[in-house]
Amino acid sequence: MLKQAQLKSKGSLEARINGTAQSALIRELLTNSGHFWLLKSLADIILTGWSNFFSEPTEYLLLAAMLVQAWYLSRPNTHRFWGNLIGVTIYTLIDLPTDRWEFFQNPIHIIFWAFSLVIAILQGLQYHGSFCARSWMILLESMARTFMVVALYVTIGIKPAPQTTYLQQILDFTQTKNHKFLLASMILMGLHLGLQTLQINGQQQQLRKTAQELRNLAEWGLGSYAVATAVTNPEALALHRCDRTILFIDIRGFTSWCEQTTAEEVVVTLNRYYCEVESAAAFYQPLRLSFTGDEVMAIFATPQQGIVAAQSMLAAAQRAVACCGVGAGCGVHCGSLIEGLFGGKDVRTYTVIGDVVNTAKRLESATPAGRITLSDAVYQATNQQLKVEPCKPIIAKGKTEPIIAWRLIAVL
């Protein structure tokens, strides 16, 4: 249950940084795919009237086609060139059997296809080109959308004249002062919107990059669970009592080995040790993983998670330090403790405090290299479904009673 909550919190954090699938679909409709349907529908309404528009089945098919296109393009890692041709292709395949070759004699259909190809090419270059090319493609795409509006405006405004060519009709239409002003204004607005879009996209990319960097820094210090919880449900990080399983791993003979080794080699070994143990732990969703010198502490939600993680993490630790002639031991304990954000006004960390932590450390300290020591609380929590051997009661500093413990052999 907690694992599902962790994944949900992590997904919520990703959604806050990169947006949800729903927001991506809406953004695609508003900024790209919806433009074709909106402009063509507006042109059809002006040319044929509202009644004909709502009674024409192909208008609804066009809407469905553009929704399919928007759904495809809103998904990650899509091919922008072919994706931008989905709507116009579906619409053509549906309408062509009815209109036959007259379909391509309709100026609006020609404009629809021409600008779909232009946008497809520009977005294909934008999403698969260099940063410099991407900037130019954004600007050109905005201009192309403006020219699409201009083309539809001219097409709607032209009056049929049998004695003149279509090109001459276009030239005649654009010669009036009103049309010149309107067309020039549209083009300048397209340029303005393109520059504005370029600036906004640059700011958004910088904000996402900064948010990701801050997230990485926060996760290095607090852990991914604490960061995701702080963003999605900050109240959950208030100090509270709960049951947790604590695991410690420590390298045996590390101090003596360091005395005979250069600092550079110690750093390389520790980093290898940390990476191996972290990779092994990640599969079992630790709430927190922290490194102090040669010591690793992990916090898990349940004893079952802690036990299987201990075996994987210890095996990884042994592999990482075997070349140095040393080994590692592991201790696991569970129980009630205080969890949450500890610290002062400016410096805080997510961790756990209580006798459970101290006992887990004592168990680890009494464990030889290559072995895992479990407290009796952990053994009983698994209904004794473990292959273990009893240890001599551990006399630990600060404990009035010996600690009953078991050495793990294997999980049954």
Protein backbone atom coordinates (compact mmCIF):
# COMPACT_ATOMS: atom_id res chain seq x y z
CA MET A 1 0.00 0.00 0.00
CA LEU A 2 2.80 2.39 0.95
CA LYS A 3 4.67 1.45 -2.23
CA GLN A 4 1.65 2.54 -4.27
CA ALA A 5 1.52 5.79 -2.30
CA GLN A 6 5.22 6.37 -3.01
CA LEU A 7 4.74 5.80 -6.73
CA LYS A 8 1.69 8.09 -6.71
CA SER A 9 3.64 10.86 -4.94
CA LYS A 10 6.51 10.49 -7.38
CA GLY A 11 4.06 10.63 -10.29
CA SER A 12 2.46 13.76 -8.83
CA LEU A 13 5.86 15.42 -8.59
CA GLU A 14 6.63 14.53 -12.21
CA ALA A 15 3.25 15.92 -13.23
CA ARG A 16 3.98 19.21 -11.47
CA ILE A 17 7.27 19.59 -13.32
CA ASN A 18 6.35 18.25 -16.77
CA GLY A 19 2.53 18.33 -16.72
CA THR A 20 -0.06 15.55 -16.86
CA ALA A 21 -1.26 13.61 -19.90
CA GLN A 22 -4.52 15.56 -19.75
CA SER A 23 -2.77 18.94 -19.69
CA ALA A 24 -0.53 17.81 -22.57
CA LEU A 25 -3.63 16.93 -24.64
CA ILE A 26 -5.27 20.29 -23.91
CA ARG A 27 -2.03 22.13 -24.71
CA GLU A 28 -1.72 20.28 -28.02
CA LEU A 29 -5.31 21.13 -28.96
CA LEU A 30 -4.92 24.81 -28.08
CA THR A 31 -1.49 25.38 -29.59
CA ASN A 32 -1.47 23.13 -32.66
CA SER A 33 -4.03 20.53 -33.73
CA GLY A 34 -7.11 22.55 -32.78
CA HIS A 35 -6.08 25.42 -35.07
CA PHE A 36 -6.86 23.48 -38.26
CA TRP A 37 -10.30 22.39 -37.10
CA LEU A 38 -11.18 25.84 -35.75
CA LEU A 39 -10.13 27.78 -38.87
CA LYS A 40 -11.63 25.33 -41.37
CA SER A 41 -14.88 25.17 -39.42
CA LEU A 42 -15.05 28.96 -39.26
CA ALA A 43 -14.48 29.18 -43.02
CA ASP A 44 -17.19 26.60 -43.72
CA ILE A 45 -19.66 28.42 -41.46
CA ILE A 46 -19.05 31.71 -43.27
CA LEU A 47 -19.34 30.11 -46.72
CA THR A 48 -22.27 27.72 -46.17
CA GLY A 49 -24.01 28.93 -43.02
CA TRP A 50 -24.59 27.50 -39.56
CA SER A 51 -27.35 25.06 -40.55
CA ASN A 52 -25.29 23.40 -43.27
CA PHE A 53 -22.29 23.26 -40.97
CA PHE A 54 -24.10 21.41 -38.18
CA SER A 55 -25.89 19.08 -40.59
CA GLU A 56 -22.71 18.06 -42.45
CA PRO A 57 -21.33 14.74 -41.05
CA THR A 58 -17.82 15.39 -42.35
CA GLU A 59 -17.47 18.36 -39.97
CA TYR A 60 -17.85 16.01 -37.00
CA LEU A 61 -15.48 13.53 -38.60
CA LEU A 62 -12.90 16.30 -38.93
CA LEU A 63 -13.27 17.08 -35.23
CA ALA A 64 -12.76 13.39 -34.39
CA ALA A 65 -9.71 13.23 -36.69
CA MET A 66 -8.12 16.26 -35.03
CA LEU A 67 -8.77 14.78 -31.57
CA VAL A 68 -6.98 11.61 -32.66
CA GLN A 69 -4.08 13.70 -33.94
CA ALA A 70 -3.97 15.74 -30.72
CA TRP A 71 -4.01 12.56 -28.60
CA TYR A 72 -1.09 11.11 -30.57
CA LEU A 73 0.99 14.30 -30.54
CA SER A 74 0.40 14.86 -26.79
CA ARG A 75 2.14 11.58 -25.97
CA PRO A 76 5.90 11.61 -25.27
CA ASN A 77 8.42 10.72 -27.98
CA THR A 78 6.02 10.95 -30.93
CA HIS A 79 7.05 11.67 -34.51
CA ARG A 80 5.98 15.24 -35.08
CA PHE A 81 6.07 15.12 -38.91
CA TRP A 82 3.78 12.13 -39.39
CA GLY A 83 1.69 13.06 -36.36
CA ASN A 84 0.73 16.41 -37.84
CA LEU A 85 -0.62 14.67 -40.94
CA ILE A 86 -2.98 12.33 -39.06
CA GLY A 87 -5.97 14.70 -38.99
CA VAL A 88 -5.85 15.82 -42.62
CA THR A 89 -5.22 12.25 -43.82
CA ILE A 90 -8.18 10.79 -41.92
CA TYR A 91 -10.41 13.63 -43.12
CA THR A 92 -9.31 13.12 -46.74
CA LEU A 93 -9.82 9.34 -46.64
CA ILE A 94 -13.33 9.83 -45.28
CA ASP A 95 -14.41 12.67 -47.59
CA LEU A 96 -12.65 11.57 -50.79
CA PRO A 97 -15.05 8.68 -51.68
CA THR A 98 -17.94 11.20 -51.58
CA ASP A 99 -16.39 14.23 -53.29
CA ARG A 100 -13.94 12.23 -55.44
CA TRP A 101 -11.40 14.46 -57.24
CA GLU A 102 -13.53 17.53 -56.60
CA PHE A 103 -12.15 17.28 -53.05
CA PHE A 104 -8.82 18.70 -54.27
CA GLN A 105 -10.54 21.45 -56.26
CA ASN A 106 -11.87 22.99 -53.07
CA PRO A 107 -9.45 25.84 -52.12
CA ILE A 108 -10.05 25.26 -48.40
CA HIS A 109 -8.99 21.61 -48.74
CA ILE A 110 -5.87 22.66 -50.64
CA ILE A 111 -5.02 25.18 -47.89
CA PHE A 112 -5.72 22.54 -45.25
CA TRP A 113 -3.28 20.09 -46.87
CA ALA A 114 -0.64 22.70 -47.74
CA PHE A 115 -0.37 24.13 -44.25
CA SER A 116 -0.60 20.71 -42.60
CA LEU A 117 2.51 19.75 -44.59
CA VAL A 118 4.27 23.01 -43.75
CA ILE A 119 3.55 22.65 -40.01
CA ALA A 120 4.55 18.98 -40.12
CA ILE A 121 7.92 19.84 -41.71
CA LEU A 122 8.60 22.72 -39.33
CA GLN A 123 7.71 20.72 -36.23
CA GLY A 124 9.70 17.74 -37.48
CA LEU A 125 12.76 20.00 -37.79
CA GLN A 126 11.97 21.75 -34.52
CA TYR A 127 11.78 18.60 -32.39
CA HIS A 128 14.64 16.76 -34.07
CA GLY A 129 17.06 19.59 -34.85
CA SER A 130 19.63 21.68 -33.01
CA PHE A 131 18.73 24.40 -30.52
CA CYS A 132 19.44 27.16 -33.07
CA ALA A 133 17.31 25.42 -35.72
CA ARG A 134 14.55 24.87 -33.15
CA SER A 135 14.37 28.61 -32.46
CA TRP A 136 14.00 29.42 -36.15
CA MET A 137 11.37 26.69 -36.61
CA ILE A 138 9.25 28.12 -33.78
CA LEU A 139 9.30 31.53 -35.43
CA LEU A 140 8.54 30.13 -38.90
CA GLU A 141 5.76 27.96 -37.53
CA SER A 142 4.05 30.99 -36.00
CA MET A 143 4.35 32.82 -39.32
CA ALA A 144 2.93 29.78 -41.16
CA ARG A 145 -0.13 29.74 -38.90
CA THR A 146 -0.66 33.44 -39.63
CA PHE A 147 -0.38 32.86 -43.38
CA MET A 148 -2.95 30.07 -43.05
CA VAL A 149 -5.39 32.61 -41.59
CA VAL A 150 -4.48 35.03 -44.42
CA ALA A 151 -5.01 32.33 -47.06
CA LEU A 152 -8.43 31.40 -45.68
CA TYR A 153 -9.41 35.07 -45.39
CA VAL A 154 -8.49 35.69 -49.04
CA THR A 155 -10.25 32.50 -50.17
CA ILE A 156 -13.45 33.47 -48.38
CA GLY A 157 -13.30 37.05 -49.66
CA ILE A 158 -12.75 36.28 -53.35
CA LYS A 159 -15.86 36.60 -55.50
CA PRO A 160 -16.17 34.24 -58.49
CA ALA A 161 -15.24 35.94 -61.77
CA PRO A 162 -15.30 33.62 -64.83
CA GLN A 163 -13.28 35.96 -67.04
CA THR A 164 -10.24 36.18 -64.71
CA THR A 165 -7.81 33.62 -63.35
CA TYR A 166 -7.79 32.62 -59.71
CA LEU A 167 -4.37 34.26 -59.24
CA GLN A 168 -5.67 37.51 -60.71
CA GLN A 169 -8.65 37.38 -58.37
CA ILE A 170 -6.28 37.07 -55.42
CA LEU A 171 -4.20 40.02 -56.60
CA ASP A 172 -7.29 42.16 -57.16
CA PHE A 173 -8.63 41.26 -53.70
CA THR A 174 -5.42 42.27 -51.95
CA GLN A 175 -5.06 45.65 -53.69
CA THR A 176 -7.56 47.58 -51.60
CA LYS A 177 -6.22 49.66 -48.72
CA ASN A 178 -8.40 47.89 -46.15
CA HIS A 179 -7.18 44.45 -47.22
CA LYS A 180 -3.58 45.59 -47.42
CA PHE A 181 -3.76 46.92 -43.87
CA LEU A 182 -5.50 43.82 -42.56
CA LEU A 183 -3.14 41.39 -44.27
CA ALA A 184 -0.04 43.31 -43.19
CA SER A 185 -1.38 43.48 -39.63
CA MET A 186 -1.94 39.71 -39.60
CA ILE A 187 1.59 39.06 -40.80
CA LEU A 188 3.12 41.42 -38.24
CA MET A 189 1.01 39.87 -35.48
CA GLY A 190 2.21 36.45 -36.55
CA LEU A 191 5.81 37.64 -36.29
CA HIS A 192 5.10 39.19 -32.90
CA LEU A 193 3.42 36.02 -31.59
CA GLY A 194 6.29 33.93 -32.92
CA LEU A 195 8.86 35.98 -31.02
CA GLN A 196 6.68 35.86 -27.93
CA THR A 197 6.29 32.07 -28.20
CA LEU A 198 10.04 31.72 -28.64
CA GLN A 199 10.64 33.70 -25.44
CA ILE A 200 8.00 31.80 -23.46
CA ASN A 201 9.32 28.42 -24.60
CA GLY A 202 12.84 29.43 -23.60
CA GLN A 203 11.65 30.50 -20.15
CA GLN A 204 9.63 27.30 -19.69
CA GLN A 205 12.59 25.13 -20.64
CA GLN A 206 14.82 27.05 -18.23
CA LEU A 207 12.25 26.71 -15.43
CA ARG A 208 11.90 22.96 -16.03
CA LYS A 209 15.68 22.57 -16.06
CA THR A 210 16.01 24.56 -12.83
CA ALA A 211 13.17 22.62 -11.19
CA GLN A 212 14.82 19.32 -12.16
CA GLU A 213 18.19 20.47 -10.80
CA LEU A 214 16.61 21.63 -7.52
CA ARG A 215 14.75 18.34 -7.30
CA ASN A 216 17.98 16.38 -7.76
CA LEU A 217 19.72 18.43 -5.07
CA ALA A 218 16.78 17.97 -2.69
CA GLU A 219 16.64 14.21 -3.31
CA TRP A 220 20.38 13.88 -2.67
CA GLY A 221 19.85 15.48 0.74
CA LEU A 222 16.38 14.29 1.77
CA GLY A 223 15.63 11.30 -0.45
CA SER A 224 13.04 10.96 -3.21
CA TYR A 225 10.25 9.87 -0.84
CA ALA A 226 10.63 12.96 1.37
CA VAL A 227 10.85 15.34 -1.61
CA ALA A 228 7.77 13.90 -3.32
CA THR A 229 5.84 13.93 -0.04
CA ALA A 230 6.92 17.50 0.75
CA VAL A 231 5.50 18.66 -2.58
CA THR A 232 2.28 16.61 -2.66
CA ASN A 233 1.44 16.24 1.05
CA PRO A 234 3.74 18.32 3.28
CA GLU A 235 1.69 17.58 6.42
CA ALA A 236 2.83 13.95 6.21
CA LEU A 237 6.41 15.03 7.04
CA ALA A 238 5.42 16.54 10.39
CA LEU A 239 6.99 14.68 13.32
CA HIS A 240 4.85 11.64 14.09
CA ARG A 241 5.14 8.16 15.57
CA CYS A 242 5.00 5.18 13.24
CA ASP A 243 6.36 1.68 12.69
CA ARG A 244 9.43 1.39 10.49
CA THR A 245 12.14 -1.14 9.69
CA ILE A 246 15.73 0.11 10.01
CA LEU A 247 18.68 -1.48 8.23
CA PHE A 248 22.38 -0.77 8.75
CA ILE A 249 25.33 -2.01 6.66
CA ASP A 250 28.93 -1.29 7.62
CA ILE A 251 32.29 -2.31 6.14
CA ARG A 252 34.41 -4.51 8.44
CA GLY A 253 38.04 -3.45 8.79
CA PHE A 254 37.46 -0.24 6.89
CA THR A 255 39.49 2.00 9.22
CA SER A 256 42.55 -0.28 9.05
CA TRP A 257 42.26 -0.51 5.28
CA CYS A 258 42.07 3.31 4.98
CA GLU A 259 45.33 3.69 6.90
CA GLN A 260 47.13 1.70 4.21
CA THR A 261 45.34 3.28 1.20
CA THR A 262 45.49 6.63 -0.52
CA ALA A 263 42.58 9.03 -0.09
CA GLU A 264 41.88 8.90 -3.86
CA GLU A 265 41.49 5.13 -3.77
CA VAL A 266 39.26 5.34 -0.69
CA VAL A 267 36.97 7.79 -2.51
CA VAL A 268 36.76 5.56 -5.59
CA THR A 269 35.96 2.51 -3.44
CA LEU A 270 33.33 4.29 -1.37
CA ASN A 271 31.59 5.67 -4.45
CA ARG A 272 31.52 2.20 -6.01
CA TYR A 273 30.18 0.80 -2.72
CA TYR A 274 27.48 3.50 -2.49
CA CYS A 275 26.38 3.02 -6.13
CA GLU A 276 26.14 -0.76 -5.81
CA VAL A 277 24.16 -0.64 -2.55
CA GLU A 278 21.88 2.15 -3.78
CA SER A 279 21.02 0.24 -6.97
CA ALA A 280 20.23 -2.88 -4.96
CA ALA A 281 18.05 -0.95 -2.49
CA ALA A 282 16.10 1.01 -5.13
CA PHE A 283 14.03 -2.00 -6.19
CA TYR A 284 12.56 -2.29 -2.66
CA GLN A 285 11.45 1.35 -2.39
CA PRO A 286 13.36 2.58 0.69
CA LEU A 287 11.85 5.64 2.35
CA ARG A 288 15.33 6.99 2.96
CA LEU A 289 18.87 5.87 2.15
CA SER A 290 21.75 7.70 3.79
CA PHE A 291 25.55 7.29 3.73
CA THR A 292 27.90 8.19 6.56
CA GLY A 293 31.50 7.16 5.95
CA ASP A 294 31.38 3.42 5.28
CA GLU A 295 27.95 3.08 6.91
CA VAL A 296 24.66 2.77 5.03
CA MET A 297 21.31 3.29 6.77
CA ALA A 298 18.02 2.46 5.05
CA ILE A 299 14.46 3.03 6.23
CA PHE A 300 11.74 0.65 5.01
CA ALA A 301 8.00 0.55 5.59
CA THR A 302 7.77 -3.13 6.56
CA PRO A 303 10.01 -5.91 7.93
CA GLN A 304 9.38 -7.96 4.78
CA GLN A 305 10.82 -5.19 2.62
CA GLY A 306 13.76 -4.78 4.97
CA ILE A 307 14.69 -8.48 4.93
CA VAL A 308 14.71 -8.97 1.16
CA ALA A 309 16.43 -5.63 0.68
CA ALA A 310 19.08 -6.58 3.26
CA GLN A 311 20.05 -9.69 1.29
CA SER A 312 20.32 -7.79 -2.00
CA MET A 313 22.11 -4.80 -0.49
CA LEU A 314 24.61 -6.91 1.46
CA ALA A 315 25.43 -8.97 -1.63
CA ALA A 316 26.03 -5.73 -3.55
CA ALA A 317 28.21 -4.34 -0.76
CA GLN A 318 30.28 -7.52 -0.63
CA ARG A 319 30.90 -7.36 -4.37
CA ALA A 320 31.91 -3.70 -4.19
CA VAL A 321 34.56 -4.15 -1.47
CA ALA A 322 35.78 -7.69 -2.17
CA CYS A 323 38.73 -6.36 -4.19
CA CYS A 324 39.97 -4.56 -1.07
CA GLY A 325 40.09 -7.70 1.07
CA VAL A 326 37.31 -6.51 3.39
CA GLY A 327 33.62 -7.39 3.85
CA ALA A 328 30.39 -5.93 5.22
CA GLY A 329 27.86 -6.88 7.89
CA CYS A 330 24.17 -6.01 8.18
CA GLY A 331 21.63 -5.58 11.01
CA VAL A 332 17.84 -5.20 10.76
CA HIS A 333 15.36 -4.14 13.45
CA CYS A 334 11.76 -2.86 13.43
CA GLY A 335 9.43 -1.05 15.79
CA SER A 336 7.85 2.25 16.77
CA LEU A 337 9.85 5.46 16.35
CA ILE A 338 9.53 9.17 15.55
CA GLU A 339 9.70 10.09 11.86
CA GLY A 340 9.67 13.41 10.05
CA LEU A 341 11.68 16.55 9.35
CA PHE A 342 14.23 17.32 12.05
CA GLY A 343 16.44 20.38 12.31
CA GLY A 344 16.52 24.12 12.81
CA LYS A 345 15.10 27.03 10.88
CA ASP A 346 17.34 26.82 7.82
CA VAL A 347 18.74 23.28 7.94
CA ARG A 348 16.43 20.27 8.13
CA THR A 349 16.56 16.64 7.16
CA TYR A 350 14.10 13.77 6.95
CA THR A 351 15.09 10.96 9.28
CA VAL A 352 13.94 8.74 12.16
CA ILE A 353 14.75 8.93 15.87
CA GLY A 354 14.27 6.33 18.57
CA ASP A 355 15.58 3.25 20.30
CA VAL A 356 14.74 1.19 17.23
CA VAL A 357 17.50 2.97 15.30
CA ASN A 358 20.05 2.48 18.08
CA THR A 359 19.18 -1.21 18.39
CA ALA A 360 19.53 -1.77 14.63
CA LYS A 361 22.99 -0.20 14.79
CA ARG A 362 23.98 -2.42 17.73
CA LEU A 363 22.85 -5.52 15.79
CA GLU A 364 24.91 -4.49 12.78
CA SER A 365 28.00 -3.85 14.94
CA ALA A 366 27.76 -7.39 16.32
CA THR A 367 27.52 -8.99 12.86
CA PRO A 368 30.51 -10.57 11.11
CA ALA A 369 31.26 -9.83 7.45
CA GLY A 370 28.90 -11.44 4.97
CA ARG A 371 26.09 -12.06 7.48
CA ILE A 372 22.73 -10.50 8.35
CA THR A 373 21.50 -10.23 11.94
CA LEU A 374 17.77 -9.85 12.61
CA SER A 375 16.16 -8.71 15.82
CA ASP A 376 13.56 -10.97 17.41
CA ALA A 377 10.94 -8.32 16.55
CA VAL A 378 11.74 -8.71 12.83
CA TYR A 379 11.75 -12.52 13.08
CA GLN A 380 8.36 -12.58 14.84
CA ALA A 381 6.88 -10.02 12.39
CA THR A 382 7.46 -12.49 9.54
CA ASN A 383 5.63 -15.25 11.45
CA GLN A 384 8.96 -17.06 11.75
CA GLN A 385 8.88 -17.82 8.01
CA LEU A 386 12.65 -17.50 7.75
CA LYS A 387 15.55 -19.89 7.87
CA VAL A 388 17.67 -18.58 10.72
CA GLU A 389 20.06 -19.70 13.41
CA PRO A 390 20.01 -18.26 16.92
CA CYS A 391 22.73 -15.87 18.08
CA LYS A 392 24.08 -15.48 21.54
CA PRO A 393 22.16 -12.64 23.22
CA ILE A 394 23.90 -9.40 22.31
CA ILE A 395 25.08 -7.24 25.16
CA ALA A 396 24.79 -3.72 23.80
CA LYS A 397 25.98 -0.46 25.29
CA GLY A 398 23.14 1.43 26.91
CA LYS A 399 20.87 -1.64 27.03
CA THR A 400 19.73 -3.06 30.35
CA GLU A 401 18.72 -6.38 28.80
CA PRO A 402 20.57 -8.50 26.20
CA ILE A 403 19.16 -8.27 22.68
CA ILE A 404 17.66 -11.50 21.34
CA ALA A 405 18.82 -11.87 17.74
CA TRP A 406 18.91 -14.31 14.82
CA ARG A 407 21.32 -14.83 11.95
CA LEU A 408 19.55 -15.04 8.62
CA ILE A 409 20.40 -18.06 6.49
CA ALA A 410 17.78 -17.81 3.73
CA VAL A 411 14.16 -16.88 3.10
CA LEU A 412 11.88 -19.91 2.89
